[in-house]
């Protein structure tokens, strides 16, 4: 049975719904977090299978060296976004938030101090 991704317009949380092709569009969908019927379908990324070697080559072309990244938050954010895309895996919203902040010029230290729980539970 296919999985469909949704976002609740009320609580803005993501959730998945399992339903048959014939149920999709005919069966009402409710948020599993707040039970609201005010939801929208989330379009997921299309994934293309690539070898790890191909991914690393692609990243190496764009980032020949990592020198100076700690002094340039925008370049660090750009590199992290590229790595996130190249790995082809779903990244958590926190990752996107950190990358957005870096690309806006915020230093890693400022980000870390404003998000004290970042990385908690990864041990």
PDB file of N, CA and C in Angstrom:
ATOM      1  N   UNK A   1       0.842  -1.163   0.000  1.00  0.00           N
ATOM      2  CA  UNK A   1       0.000   0.000   0.000  1.00  0.00           C
ATOM      3  C   UNK A   1       0.896   1.238   0.000  1.00  0.00           C
ATOM      4  N   UNK A   2       0.601   2.231  -0.828  1.00  0.00           N
ATOM      5  CA  UNK A   2       1.453   3.425  -0.901  1.00  0.00           C
ATOM      6  C   UNK A   2       1.369   4.283   0.360  1.00  0.00           C
ATOM      7  N   UNK A   3       2.443   4.982   0.611  1.00  0.00           N
ATOM      8  CA  UNK A   3       2.520   5.948   1.704  1.00  0.00           C
ATOM      9  C   UNK A   3       2.424   7.343   1.100  1.00  0.00           C
ATOM     10  N   UNK A   4       1.561   8.160   1.656  1.00  0.00           N
ATOM     11  CA  UNK A   4       1.417   9.537   1.209  1.00  0.00           C
ATOM     12  C   UNK A   4       1.848  10.460   2.344  1.00  0.00           C
ATOM     13  N   UNK A   5       2.637  11.465   2.009  1.00  0.00           N
ATOM     14  CA  UNK A   5       3.128  12.420   2.992  1.00  0.00           C
ATOM     15  C   UNK A   5       2.211  13.633   3.022  1.00  0.00           C
ATOM     16  N   UNK A   6       1.880  14.075   4.245  1.00  0.00           N
ATOM     17  CA  UNK A   6       1.022  15.239   4.416  1.00  0.00           C
ATOM     18  C   UNK A   6       1.642  16.196   5.424  1.00  0.00           C
ATOM     19  N   UNK A   7       1.178  17.448   5.379  1.00  0.00           N
ATOM     20  CA  UNK A   7       1.519  18.464   6.365  1.00  0.00           C
ATOM     21  C   UNK A   7       0.205  19.049   6.860  1.00  0.00           C
ATOM     22  N   UNK A   8       0.099  19.202   8.164  1.00  0.00           N
ATOM     23  CA  UNK A   8      -1.088  19.807   8.758  1.00  0.00           C
ATOM     24  C   UNK A   8      -0.969  21.329   8.654  1.00  0.00           C
ATOM     25  N   UNK A   9      -1.996  21.969   8.148  1.00  0.00           N
ATOM     26  CA  UNK A   9      -1.988  23.432   8.040  1.00  0.00           C
ATOM     27  C   UNK A   9      -2.227  24.101   9.389  1.00  0.00           C
ATOM     28  N   UNK A  10      -2.734  23.351  10.377  1.00  0.00           N
ATOM     29  CA  UNK A  10      -2.967  23.919  11.706  1.00  0.00           C
ATOM     30  C   UNK A  10      -1.729  23.837  12.587  1.00  0.00           C
ATOM     31  N   UNK A  11      -1.206  22.619  12.774  1.00  0.00           N
ATOM     32  CA  UNK A  11      -0.056  22.455  13.680  1.00  0.00           C
ATOM     33  C   UNK A  11       1.283  22.397  12.931  1.00  0.00           C
ATOM     34  N   UNK A  12       1.229  22.362  11.596  1.00  0.00           N
ATOM     35  CA  UNK A  12       2.408  22.378  10.721  1.00  0.00           C
ATOM     36  C   UNK A  12       3.335  21.180  10.918  1.00  0.00           C
ATOM     37  N   UNK A  13       2.811  20.075  11.390  1.00  0.00           N
ATOM     38  CA  UNK A  13       3.620  18.867  11.550  1.00  0.00           C
ATOM     39  C   UNK A  13       3.410  17.951  10.357  1.00  0.00           C
ATOM     40  N   UNK A  14       4.445  17.179  10.056  1.00  0.00           N
ATOM     41  CA  UNK A  14       4.398  16.219   8.956  1.00  0.00           C
ATOM     42  C   UNK A  14       3.907  14.873   9.463  1.00  0.00           C
ATOM     43  N   UNK A  15       3.234  14.129   8.582  1.00  0.00           N
ATOM     44  CA  UNK A  15       2.822  12.773   8.920  1.00  0.00           C
ATOM     45  C   UNK A  15       2.573  11.989   7.640  1.00  0.00           C
ATOM     46  N   UNK A  16       2.600  10.673   7.764  1.00  0.00           N
ATOM     47  CA  UNK A  16       2.387   9.773   6.629  1.00  0.00           C
ATOM     48  C   UNK A  16       1.051   9.065   6.787  1.00  0.00           C
ATOM     49  N   UNK A  17       0.433   8.772   5.648  1.00  0.00           N
ATOM     50  CA  UNK A  17      -0.824   8.031   5.646  1.00  0.00           C
ATOM     51  C   UNK A  17      -0.687   6.885   4.653  1.00  0.00           C
ATOM     52  N   UNK A  18      -1.052   5.696   5.076  1.00  0.00           N
ATOM     53  CA  UNK A  18      -1.074   4.532   4.197  1.00  0.00           C
ATOM     54  C   UNK A  18      -2.489   4.375   3.663  1.00  0.00           C
ATOM     55  N   UNK A  19      -2.618   4.328   2.345  1.00  0.00           N
ATOM     56  CA  UNK A  19      -3.931   4.091   1.747  1.00  0.00           C
ATOM     57  C   UNK A  19      -3.743   3.555   0.332  1.00  0.00           C
ATOM     58  N   UNK A  20      -4.766   2.906  -0.153  1.00  0.00           N
ATOM     59  CA  UNK A  20      -4.713   2.351  -1.508  1.00  0.00           C
ATOM     60  C   UNK A  20      -4.854   3.475  -2.527  1.00  0.00           C
ATOM     61  N   UNK A  21      -4.535   3.170  -3.777  1.00  0.00           N
ATOM     62  CA  UNK A  21      -4.689   4.156  -4.835  1.00  0.00           C
ATOM     63  C   UNK A  21      -6.144   4.607  -4.947  1.00  0.00           C
ATOM     64  N   UNK A  22      -7.068   3.685  -4.780  1.00  0.00           N
ATOM     65  CA  UNK A  22      -8.487   4.041  -4.901  1.00  0.00           C
ATOM     66  C   UNK A  22      -8.966   4.892  -3.722  1.00  0.00           C
ATOM     67  N   UNK A  23      -8.333   4.762  -2.552  1.00  0.00           N
ATOM     68  CA  UNK A  23      -8.716   5.575  -1.402  1.00  0.00           C
ATOM     69  C   UNK A  23      -8.207   7.007  -1.526  1.00  0.00           C
ATOM     70  N   UNK A  24      -7.038   7.165  -2.178  1.00  0.00           N
ATOM     71  CA  UNK A  24      -6.439   8.501  -2.282  1.00  0.00           C
ATOM     72  C   UNK A  24      -7.380   9.445  -3.033  1.00  0.00           C
ATOM     73  N   UNK A  25      -7.679  10.581  -2.436  1.00  0.00           N
ATOM     74  CA  UNK A  25      -8.588  11.551  -3.031  1.00  0.00           C
ATOM     75  C   UNK A  25     -10.045  11.320  -2.661  1.00  0.00           C
ATOM     76  N   UNK A  26     -10.352  10.134  -2.155  1.00  0.00           N
ATOM     77  CA  UNK A  26     -11.729   9.817  -1.771  1.00  0.00           C
ATOM     78  C   UNK A  26     -11.896   9.691  -0.258  1.00  0.00           C
ATOM     79  N   UNK A  27     -10.838   9.285   0.401  1.00  0.00           N
ATOM     80  CA  UNK A  27     -10.889   9.075   1.845  1.00  0.00           C
ATOM     81  C   UNK A  27     -10.361  10.338   2.544  1.00  0.00           C
ATOM     82  N   UNK A  28     -11.116  10.893   3.515  1.00  0.00           N
ATOM     83  CA  UNK A  28     -10.629  12.096   4.211  1.00  0.00           C
ATOM     84  C   UNK A  28      -9.366  11.780   5.020  1.00  0.00           C
ATOM     85  N   UNK A  29      -8.479  12.746   5.091  1.00  0.00           N
ATOM     86  CA  UNK A  29      -7.220  12.591   5.829  1.00  0.00           C
ATOM     87  C   UNK A  29      -7.222  13.574   6.993  1.00  0.00           C
ATOM     88  N   UNK A  30      -6.844  13.070   8.168  1.00  0.00           N
ATOM     89  CA  UNK A  30      -6.783  13.886   9.369  1.00  0.00           C
ATOM     90  C   UNK A  30      -5.377  13.827   9.954  1.00  0.00           C
ATOM     91  N   UNK A  31      -4.946  14.943  10.512  1.00  0.00           N
ATOM     92  CA  UNK A  31      -3.625  15.029  11.128  1.00  0.00           C
ATOM     93  C   UNK A  31      -3.535  14.044  12.288  1.00  0.00           C
ATOM     94  N   UNK A  32      -2.467  13.282  12.326  1.00  0.00           N
ATOM     95  CA  UNK A  32      -2.295  12.316  13.420  1.00  0.00           C
ATOM     96  C   UNK A  32      -1.847  12.995  14.709  1.00  0.00           C
ATOM     97  N   UNK A  33      -1.472  14.271  14.625  1.00  0.00           N
ATOM     98  CA  UNK A  33      -1.010  14.991  15.809  1.00  0.00           C
ATOM     99  C   UNK A  33      -2.136  15.772  16.489  1.00  0.00           C
ATOM    100  N   UNK A  34      -2.968  16.477  15.678  1.00  0.00           N
ATOM    101  CA  UNK A  34      -4.015  17.321  16.272  1.00  0.00           C
ATOM    102  C   UNK A  34      -5.416  16.976  15.763  1.00  0.00           C
ATOM    103  N   UNK A  35      -5.520  15.983  14.887  1.00  0.00           N
ATOM    104  CA  UNK A  35      -6.786  15.482  14.354  1.00  0.00           C
ATOM    105  C   UNK A  35      -7.517  16.482  13.450  1.00  0.00           C
ATOM    106  N   UNK A  36      -6.798  17.491  12.955  1.00  0.00           N
ATOM    107  CA  UNK A  36      -7.398  18.469  12.047  1.00  0.00           C
ATOM    108  C   UNK A  36      -7.549  17.868  10.649  1.00  0.00           C
ATOM    109  N   UNK A  37      -8.596  18.256   9.963  1.00  0.00           N
ATOM    110  CA  UNK A  37      -8.790  17.853   8.574  1.00  0.00           C
ATOM    111  C   UNK A  37      -8.196  18.867   7.608  1.00  0.00           C
ATOM    112  N   UNK A  38      -7.594  19.928   8.140  1.00  0.00           N
ATOM    113  CA  UNK A  38      -6.992  20.992   7.344  1.00  0.00           C
ATOM    114  C   UNK A  38      -5.547  20.602   7.014  1.00  0.00           C
ATOM    115  N   UNK A  39      -5.390  19.680   6.056  1.00  0.00           N
ATOM    116  CA  UNK A  39      -4.077  19.145   5.704  1.00  0.00           C
ATOM    117  C   UNK A  39      -3.831  19.319   4.205  1.00  0.00           C
ATOM    118  N   UNK A  40      -2.548  19.242   3.841  1.00  0.00           N
ATOM    119  CA  UNK A  40      -2.195  19.297   2.428  1.00  0.00           C
ATOM    120  C   UNK A  40      -1.155  18.225   2.133  1.00  0.00           C
ATOM    121  N   UNK A  41      -1.156  17.780   0.923  1.00  0.00           N
ATOM    122  CA  UNK A  41      -0.207  16.746   0.488  1.00  0.00           C
ATOM    123  C   UNK A  41       1.171  17.361   0.377  1.00  0.00           C
ATOM    124  N   UNK A  42       2.151  16.659   0.859  1.00  0.00           N
ATOM    125  CA  UNK A  42       3.541  17.091   0.784  1.00  0.00           C
ATOM    126  C   UNK A  42       4.198  16.359  -0.365  1.00  0.00           C
ATOM    127  N   UNK A  43       4.743  17.096  -1.287  1.00  0.00           N
ATOM    128  CA  UNK A  43       5.433  16.486  -2.416  1.00  0.00           C
ATOM    129  C   UNK A  43       6.845  16.101  -1.974  1.00  0.00           C
ATOM    130  N   UNK A  44       7.163  14.865  -2.153  1.00  0.00           N
ATOM    131  CA  UNK A  44       8.474  14.378  -1.740  1.00  0.00           C
ATOM    132  C   UNK A  44       9.460  14.466  -2.895  1.00  0.00           C
ATOM    133  N   UNK A  45      10.707  14.369  -2.559  1.00  0.00           N
ATOM    134  CA  UNK A  45      11.757  14.441  -3.557  1.00  0.00           C
ATOM    135  C   UNK A  45      11.816  13.151  -4.373  1.00  0.00           C
ATOM    136  N   UNK A  46      12.224  13.297  -5.596  1.00  0.00           N
ATOM    137  CA  UNK A  46      12.492  12.133  -6.428  1.00  0.00           C
ATOM    138  C   UNK A  46      13.951  11.755  -6.182  1.00  0.00           C
ATOM    139  N   UNK A  47      14.181  10.498  -5.954  1.00  0.00           N
ATOM    140  CA  UNK A  47      15.540  10.042  -5.658  1.00  0.00           C
ATOM    141  C   UNK A  47      16.119   9.306  -6.853  1.00  0.00           C
ATOM    142  N   UNK A  48      17.348   9.625  -7.130  1.00  0.00           N
ATOM    143  CA  UNK A  48      18.066   8.964  -8.212  1.00  0.00           C
ATOM    144  C   UNK A  48      19.216   8.190  -7.578  1.00  0.00           C
ATOM    145  N   UNK A  49      19.259   6.913  -7.882  1.00  0.00           N
ATOM    146  CA  UNK A  49      20.310   6.074  -7.303  1.00  0.00           C
ATOM    147  C   UNK A  49      21.660   6.440  -7.919  1.00  0.00           C
ATOM    148  N   UNK A  50      22.609   6.733  -7.046  1.00  0.00           N
ATOM    149  CA  UNK A  50      23.973   7.035  -7.477  1.00  0.00           C
ATOM    150  C   UNK A  50      24.927   6.336  -6.526  1.00  0.00           C
ATOM    151  N   UNK A  51      26.073   6.017  -7.028  1.00  0.00           N
ATOM    152  CA  UNK A  51      27.064   5.370  -6.176  1.00  0.00           C
ATOM    153  C   UNK A  51      27.675   6.406  -5.236  1.00  0.00           C
ATOM    154  N   UNK A  52      28.217   5.922  -4.122  1.00  0.00           N
ATOM    155  CA  UNK A  52      28.897   6.818  -3.190  1.00  0.00           C
ATOM    156  C   UNK A  52      30.051   7.528  -3.894  1.00  0.00           C
ATOM    157  N   UNK A  53      30.737   6.810  -4.761  1.00  0.00           N
ATOM    158  CA  UNK A  53      31.870   7.396  -5.489  1.00  0.00           C
ATOM    159  C   UNK A  53      31.403   8.566  -6.354  1.00  0.00           C
ATOM    160  N   UNK A  54      30.288   8.397  -7.042  1.00  0.00           N
ATOM    161  CA  UNK A  54      29.743   9.455  -7.891  1.00  0.00           C
ATOM    162  C   UNK A  54      29.351  10.678  -7.055  1.00  0.00           C
ATOM    163  N   UNK A  55      28.770  10.453  -5.894  1.00  0.00           N
ATOM    164  CA  UNK A  55      28.388  11.560  -5.009  1.00  0.00           C
ATOM    165  C   UNK A  55      29.610  12.323  -4.536  1.00  0.00           C
ATOM    166  N   UNK A  56      30.632  11.580  -4.122  1.00  0.00           N
ATOM    167  CA  UNK A  56      31.840  12.226  -3.618  1.00  0.00           C
ATOM    168  C   UNK A  56      32.552  13.011  -4.718  1.00  0.00           C
ATOM    169  N   UNK A  57      32.573  12.483  -5.925  1.00  0.00           N
ATOM    170  CA  UNK A  57      33.185  13.200  -7.053  1.00  0.00           C
ATOM    171  C   UNK A  57      32.456  14.507  -7.325  1.00  0.00           C
ATOM    172  N   UNK A  58      31.137  14.456  -7.257  1.00  0.00           N
ATOM    173  CA  UNK A  58      30.333  15.652  -7.491  1.00  0.00           C
ATOM    174  C   UNK A  58      30.630  16.716  -6.432  1.00  0.00           C
ATOM    175  N   UNK A  59      30.736  16.306  -5.182  1.00  0.00           N
ATOM    176  CA  UNK A  59      31.043  17.259  -4.119  1.00  0.00           C
ATOM    177  C   UNK A  59      32.461  17.791  -4.250  1.00  0.00           C
ATOM    178  N   UNK A  60      33.389  16.936  -4.641  1.00  0.00           N
ATOM    179  CA  UNK A  60      34.779  17.355  -4.783  1.00  0.00           C
ATOM    180  C   UNK A  60      34.920  18.409  -5.877  1.00  0.00           C
ATOM    181  N   UNK A  61      34.116  18.299  -6.922  1.00  0.00           N
ATOM    182  CA  UNK A  61      34.158  19.290  -7.998  1.00  0.00           C
ATOM    183  C   UNK A  61      33.785  20.674  -7.485  1.00  0.00           C
ATOM    184  N   UNK A  62      32.801  20.741  -6.605  1.00  0.00           N
ATOM    185  CA  UNK A  62      32.333  22.024  -6.090  1.00  0.00           C
ATOM    186  C   UNK A  62      33.165  22.551  -4.934  1.00  0.00           C
ATOM    187  N   UNK A  63      33.703  21.657  -4.119  1.00  0.00           N
ATOM    188  CA  UNK A  63      34.433  22.061  -2.926  1.00  0.00           C
ATOM    189  C   UNK A  63      35.807  21.404  -2.925  1.00  0.00           C
ATOM    190  N   UNK A  64      36.710  22.002  -3.666  1.00  0.00           N
ATOM    191  CA  UNK A  64      38.040  21.414  -3.792  1.00  0.00           C
ATOM    192  C   UNK A  64      38.815  21.480  -2.490  1.00  0.00           C
ATOM    193  N   UNK A  65      38.458  22.386  -1.617  1.00  0.00           N
ATOM    194  CA  UNK A  65      39.126  22.474  -0.322  1.00  0.00           C
ATOM    195  C   UNK A  65      38.181  23.016   0.717  1.00  0.00           C
ATOM    196  N   UNK A  66      38.437  22.663   1.949  1.00  0.00           N
ATOM    197  CA  UNK A  66      37.585  23.129   3.035  1.00  0.00           C
ATOM    198  C   UNK A  66      38.252  24.266   3.803  1.00  0.00           C
ATOM    199  N   UNK A  67      39.402  24.725   3.319  1.00  0.00           N
ATOM    200  CA  UNK A  67      40.130  25.798   3.992  1.00  0.00           C
ATOM    201  C   UNK A  67      39.278  27.055   4.082  1.00  0.00           C
ATOM    202  N   UNK A  68      39.254  27.640   5.250  1.00  0.00           N
ATOM    203  CA  UNK A  68      38.569  28.907   5.444  1.00  0.00           C
ATOM    204  C   UNK A  68      37.078  28.814   5.691  1.00  0.00           C
ATOM    205  N   UNK A  69      36.508  27.620   5.660  1.00  0.00           N
ATOM    206  CA  UNK A  69      35.060  27.510   5.862  1.00  0.00           C
ATOM    207  C   UNK A  69      34.632  27.973   7.253  1.00  0.00           C
ATOM    208  N   UNK A  70      35.500  27.762   8.253  1.00  0.00           N
ATOM    209  CA  UNK A  70      35.109  28.167   9.605  1.00  0.00           C
ATOM    210  C   UNK A  70      35.011  29.690   9.729  1.00  0.00           C
ATOM    211  N   UNK A  71      35.673  30.442   8.840  1.00  0.00           N
ATOM    212  CA  UNK A  71      35.585  31.900   8.862  1.00  0.00           C
ATOM    213  C   UNK A  71      34.499  32.434   7.919  1.00  0.00           C
ATOM    214  N   UNK A  72      33.901  31.556   7.116  1.00  0.00           N
ATOM    215  CA  UNK A  72      32.910  31.987   6.121  1.00  0.00           C
ATOM    216  C   UNK A  72      31.627  31.176   6.274  1.00  0.00           C
ATOM    217  N   UNK A  73      30.706  31.636   7.153  1.00  0.00           N
ATOM    218  CA  UNK A  73      29.476  30.869   7.394  1.00  0.00           C
ATOM    219  C   UNK A  73      28.651  30.641   6.131  1.00  0.00           C
ATOM    220  N   UNK A  74      28.633  31.606   5.217  1.00  0.00           N
ATOM    221  CA  UNK A  74      27.845  31.448   3.992  1.00  0.00           C
ATOM    222  C   UNK A  74      28.386  30.305   3.139  1.00  0.00           C
ATOM    223  N   UNK A  75      29.713  30.211   3.011  1.00  0.00           N
ATOM    224  CA  UNK A  75      30.319  29.119   2.242  1.00  0.00           C
ATOM    225  C   UNK A  75      30.092  27.777   2.946  1.00  0.00           C
ATOM    226  N   UNK A  76      30.170  27.789   4.283  1.00  0.00           N
ATOM    227  CA  UNK A  76      29.919  26.566   5.047  1.00  0.00           C
ATOM    228  C   UNK A  76      28.476  26.103   4.845  1.00  0.00           C
ATOM    229  N   UNK A  77      27.530  27.047   4.891  1.00  0.00           N
ATOM    230  CA  UNK A  77      26.130  26.707   4.663  1.00  0.00           C
ATOM    231  C   UNK A  77      25.905  26.148   3.268  1.00  0.00           C
ATOM    232  N   UNK A  78      26.546  26.746   2.273  1.00  0.00           N
ATOM    233  CA  UNK A  78      26.426  26.270   0.893  1.00  0.00           C
ATOM    234  C   UNK A  78      26.964  24.846   0.769  1.00  0.00           C
ATOM    235  N   UNK A  79      28.109  24.597   1.397  1.00  0.00           N
ATOM    236  CA  UNK A  79      28.704  23.263   1.358  1.00  0.00           C
ATOM    237  C   UNK A  79      27.803  22.245   2.055  1.00  0.00           C
ATOM    238  N   UNK A  80      27.231  22.622   3.205  1.00  0.00           N
ATOM    239  CA  UNK A  80      26.366  21.693   3.943  1.00  0.00           C
ATOM    240  C   UNK A  80      25.096  21.382   3.155  1.00  0.00           C
ATOM    241  N   UNK A  81      24.517  22.379   2.491  1.00  0.00           N
ATOM    242  CA  UNK A  81      23.319  22.147   1.682  1.00  0.00           C
ATOM    243  C   UNK A  81      23.638  21.178   0.542  1.00  0.00           C
ATOM    244  N   UNK A  82      24.787  21.375  -0.098  1.00  0.00           N
ATOM    245  CA  UNK A  82      25.202  20.502  -1.200  1.00  0.00           C
ATOM    246  C   UNK A  82      25.402  19.071  -0.686  1.00  0.00           C
ATOM    247  N   UNK A  83      26.058  18.911   0.436  1.00  0.00           N
ATOM    248  CA  UNK A  83      26.281  17.586   1.006  1.00  0.00           C
ATOM    249  C   UNK A  83      24.940  16.931   1.344  1.00  0.00           C
ATOM    250  N   UNK A  84      24.027  17.686   1.923  1.00  0.00           N
ATOM    251  CA  UNK A  84      22.706  17.153   2.250  1.00  0.00           C
ATOM    252  C   UNK A  84      21.972  16.654   1.020  1.00  0.00           C
ATOM    253  N   UNK A  85      22.030  17.411  -0.077  1.00  0.00           N
ATOM    254  CA  UNK A  85      21.374  16.989  -1.323  1.00  0.00           C
ATOM    255  C   UNK A  85      22.061  15.779  -1.924  1.00  0.00           C
ATOM    256  N   UNK A  86      23.374  15.781  -1.939  1.00  0.00           N
ATOM    257  CA  UNK A  86      24.125  14.694  -2.565  1.00  0.00           C
ATOM    258  C   UNK A  86      23.966  13.366  -1.844  1.00  0.00           C
ATOM    259  N   UNK A  87      23.739  13.408  -0.537  1.00  0.00           N
ATOM    260  CA  UNK A  87      23.598  12.162   0.206  1.00  0.00           C
ATOM    261  C   UNK A  87      22.258  11.494  -0.092  1.00  0.00           C
ATOM    262  N   UNK A  88      21.300  12.234  -0.630  1.00  0.00           N
ATOM    263  CA  UNK A  88      20.044  11.637  -1.075  1.00  0.00           C
ATOM    264  C   UNK A  88      19.155  11.112   0.031  1.00  0.00           C
ATOM    265  N   UNK A  89      19.354  11.578   1.234  1.00  0.00           N
ATOM    266  CA  UNK A  89      18.545  11.132   2.361  1.00  0.00           C
ATOM    267  C   UNK A  89      17.743  12.303   2.910  1.00  0.00           C
ATOM    268  N   UNK A  90      16.648  11.989   3.544  1.00  0.00           N
ATOM    269  CA  UNK A  90      15.808  13.014   4.163  1.00  0.00           C
ATOM    270  C   UNK A  90      16.587  13.628   5.325  1.00  0.00           C
ATOM    271  N   UNK A  91      16.651  14.947   5.362  1.00  0.00           N
ATOM    272  CA  UNK A  91      17.344  15.618   6.460  1.00  0.00           C
ATOM    273  C   UNK A  91      16.307  16.209   7.401  1.00  0.00           C
ATOM    274  N   UNK A  92      16.615  16.246   8.685  1.00  0.00           N
ATOM    275  CA  UNK A  92      15.638  16.788   9.637  1.00  0.00           C
ATOM    276  C   UNK A  92      15.485  18.298   9.470  1.00  0.00           C
ATOM    277  N   UNK A  93      14.352  18.844   9.900  1.00  0.00           N
ATOM    278  CA  UNK A  93      14.132  20.288   9.779  1.00  0.00           C
ATOM    279  C   UNK A  93      15.211  21.116  10.469  1.00  0.00           C
ATOM    280  N   UNK A  94      15.796  20.571  11.542  1.00  0.00           N
ATOM    281  CA  UNK A  94      16.845  21.291  12.266  1.00  0.00           C
ATOM    282  C   UNK A  94      18.053  21.535  11.366  1.00  0.00           C
ATOM    283  N   UNK A  95      18.374  20.566  10.515  1.00  0.00           N
ATOM    284  CA  UNK A  95      19.488  20.708   9.580  1.00  0.00           C
ATOM    285  C   UNK A  95      19.221  21.875   8.642  1.00  0.00           C
ATOM    286  N   UNK A  96      18.002  21.927   8.095  1.00  0.00           N
ATOM    287  CA  UNK A  96      17.632  23.015   7.181  1.00  0.00           C
ATOM    288  C   UNK A  96      17.710  24.362   7.889  1.00  0.00           C
ATOM    289  N   UNK A  97      17.280  24.414   9.149  1.00  0.00           N
ATOM    290  CA  UNK A  97      17.327  25.660   9.919  1.00  0.00           C
ATOM    291  C   UNK A  97      18.767  26.124  10.091  1.00  0.00           C
ATOM    292  N   UNK A  98      19.657  25.217  10.451  1.00  0.00           N
ATOM    293  CA  UNK A  98      21.068  25.566  10.640  1.00  0.00           C
ATOM    294  C   UNK A  98      21.678  26.048   9.325  1.00  0.00           C
ATOM    295  N   UNK A  99      21.407  25.347   8.240  1.00  0.00           N
ATOM    296  CA  UNK A  99      21.962  25.743   6.935  1.00  0.00           C
ATOM    297  C   UNK A  99      21.428  27.116   6.526  1.00  0.00           C
ATOM    298  N   UNK A 100      20.129  27.354   6.720  1.00  0.00           N
ATOM    299  CA  UNK A 100      19.551  28.667   6.402  1.00  0.00           C
ATOM    300  C   UNK A 100      20.249  29.772   7.188  1.00  0.00           C
ATOM    301  N   UNK A 101      20.510  29.515   8.460  1.00  0.00           N
ATOM    302  CA  UNK A 101      21.173  30.518   9.307  1.00  0.00           C
ATOM    303  C   UNK A 101      22.611  30.766   8.851  1.00  0.00           C
ATOM    304  N   UNK A 102      23.313  29.690   8.496  1.00  0.00           N
ATOM    305  CA  UNK A 102      24.676  29.852   8.000  1.00  0.00           C
ATOM    306  C   UNK A 102      24.691  30.668   6.709  1.00  0.00           C
ATOM    307  N   UNK A 103      23.784  30.336   5.805  1.00  0.00           N
ATOM    308  CA  UNK A 103      23.732  31.053   4.528  1.00  0.00           C
ATOM    309  C   UNK A 103      23.354  32.525   4.712  1.00  0.00           C
ATOM    310  N   UNK A 104      22.684  32.834   5.824  1.00  0.00           N
ATOM    311  CA  UNK A 104      22.354  34.226   6.128  1.00  0.00           C
ATOM    312  C   UNK A 104      23.531  34.950   6.790  1.00  0.00           C
ATOM    313  N   UNK A 105      24.610  34.197   7.085  1.00  0.00           N
ATOM    314  CA  UNK A 105      25.808  34.807   7.644  1.00  0.00           C
ATOM    315  C   UNK A 105      25.982  34.642   9.138  1.00  0.00           C
ATOM    316  N   UNK A 106      25.103  33.900   9.794  1.00  0.00           N
ATOM    317  CA  UNK A 106      25.216  33.687  11.237  1.00  0.00           C
ATOM    318  C   UNK A 106      26.345  32.699  11.507  1.00  0.00           C
ATOM    319  N   UNK A 107      27.158  32.973  12.503  1.00  0.00           N
ATOM    320  CA  UNK A 107      28.296  32.109  12.805  1.00  0.00           C
ATOM    321  C   UNK A 107      27.830  30.813  13.465  1.00  0.00           C
ATOM    322  N   UNK A 108      28.622  29.728  13.323  1.00  0.00           N
ATOM    323  CA  UNK A 108      28.271  28.471  13.993  1.00  0.00           C
ATOM    324  C   UNK A 108      28.119  28.631  15.507  1.00  0.00           C
ATOM    325  N   UNK A 109      28.935  29.491  16.102  1.00  0.00           N
ATOM    326  CA  UNK A 109      28.860  29.707  17.541  1.00  0.00           C
ATOM    327  C   UNK A 109      27.534  30.364  17.929  1.00  0.00           C
ATOM    328  N   UNK A 110      27.089  31.352  17.130  1.00  0.00           N
ATOM    329  CA  UNK A 110      25.809  32.006  17.406  1.00  0.00           C
ATOM    330  C   UNK A 110      24.653  31.016  17.267  1.00  0.00           C
ATOM    331  N   UNK A 111      24.727  30.179  16.247  1.00  0.00           N
ATOM    332  CA  UNK A 111      23.677  29.184  16.028  1.00  0.00           C
ATOM    333  C   UNK A 111      23.634  28.213  17.197  1.00  0.00           C
ATOM    334  N   UNK A 112      24.801  27.733  17.605  1.00  0.00           N
ATOM    335  CA  UNK A 112      24.862  26.773  18.699  1.00  0.00           C
ATOM    336  C   UNK A 112      24.327  27.365  19.997  1.00  0.00           C
ATOM    337  N   UNK A 113      24.633  28.629  20.261  1.00  0.00           N
ATOM    338  CA  UNK A 113      24.145  29.246  21.501  1.00  0.00           C
ATOM    339  C   UNK A 113      22.645  29.505  21.465  1.00  0.00           C
ATOM    340  N   UNK A 114      22.083  29.732  20.265  1.00  0.00           N
ATOM    341  CA  UNK A 114      20.640  29.999  20.184  1.00  0.00           C
ATOM    342  C   UNK A 114      19.823  28.700  20.079  1.00  0.00           C
ATOM    343  N   UNK A 115      20.479  27.579  19.808  1.00  0.00           N
ATOM    344  CA  UNK A 115      19.803  26.282  19.723  1.00  0.00           C
ATOM    345  C   UNK A 115      20.504  25.301  20.658  1.00  0.00           C
ATOM    346  N   UNK A 116      20.335  25.472  21.974  1.00  0.00           N
ATOM    347  CA  UNK A 116      21.089  24.642  22.932  1.00  0.00           C
ATOM    348  C   UNK A 116      20.793  23.145  22.850  1.00  0.00           C
ATOM    349  N   UNK A 117      19.610  22.774  22.365  1.00  0.00           N
ATOM    350  CA  UNK A 117      19.255  21.359  22.286  1.00  0.00           C
ATOM    351  C   UNK A 117      19.676  20.707  20.985  1.00  0.00           C
ATOM    352  N   UNK A 118      20.344  21.454  20.108  1.00  0.00           N
ATOM    353  CA  UNK A 118      20.776  20.937  18.815  1.00  0.00           C
ATOM    354  C   UNK A 118      21.718  19.763  19.015  1.00  0.00           C
ATOM    355  N   UNK A 119      21.359  18.646  18.431  1.00  0.00           N
ATOM    356  CA  UNK A 119      22.188  17.448  18.537  1.00  0.00           C
ATOM    357  C   UNK A 119      21.931  16.627  19.779  1.00  0.00           C
ATOM    358  N   UNK A 120      21.016  17.067  20.629  1.00  0.00           N
ATOM    359  CA  UNK A 120      20.707  16.306  21.841  1.00  0.00           C
ATOM    360  C   UNK A 120      20.090  14.975  21.451  1.00  0.00           C
ATOM    361  N   UNK A 121      20.520  13.925  22.079  1.00  0.00           N
ATOM    362  CA  UNK A 121      19.972  12.595  21.809  1.00  0.00           C
ATOM    363  C   UNK A 121      20.669  11.886  20.664  1.00  0.00           C
ATOM    364  N   UNK A 122      21.723  12.467  20.110  1.00  0.00           N
ATOM    365  CA  UNK A 122      22.449  11.830  19.003  1.00  0.00           C
ATOM    366  C   UNK A 122      23.552  10.921  19.508  1.00  0.00           C
ATOM    367  N   UNK A 123      23.692  10.818  20.823  1.00  0.00           N
ATOM    368  CA  UNK A 123      24.816  10.063  21.372  1.00  0.00           C
ATOM    369  C   UNK A 123      24.541   8.586  21.334  1.00  0.00           C
TER     370      UNK A 123
END
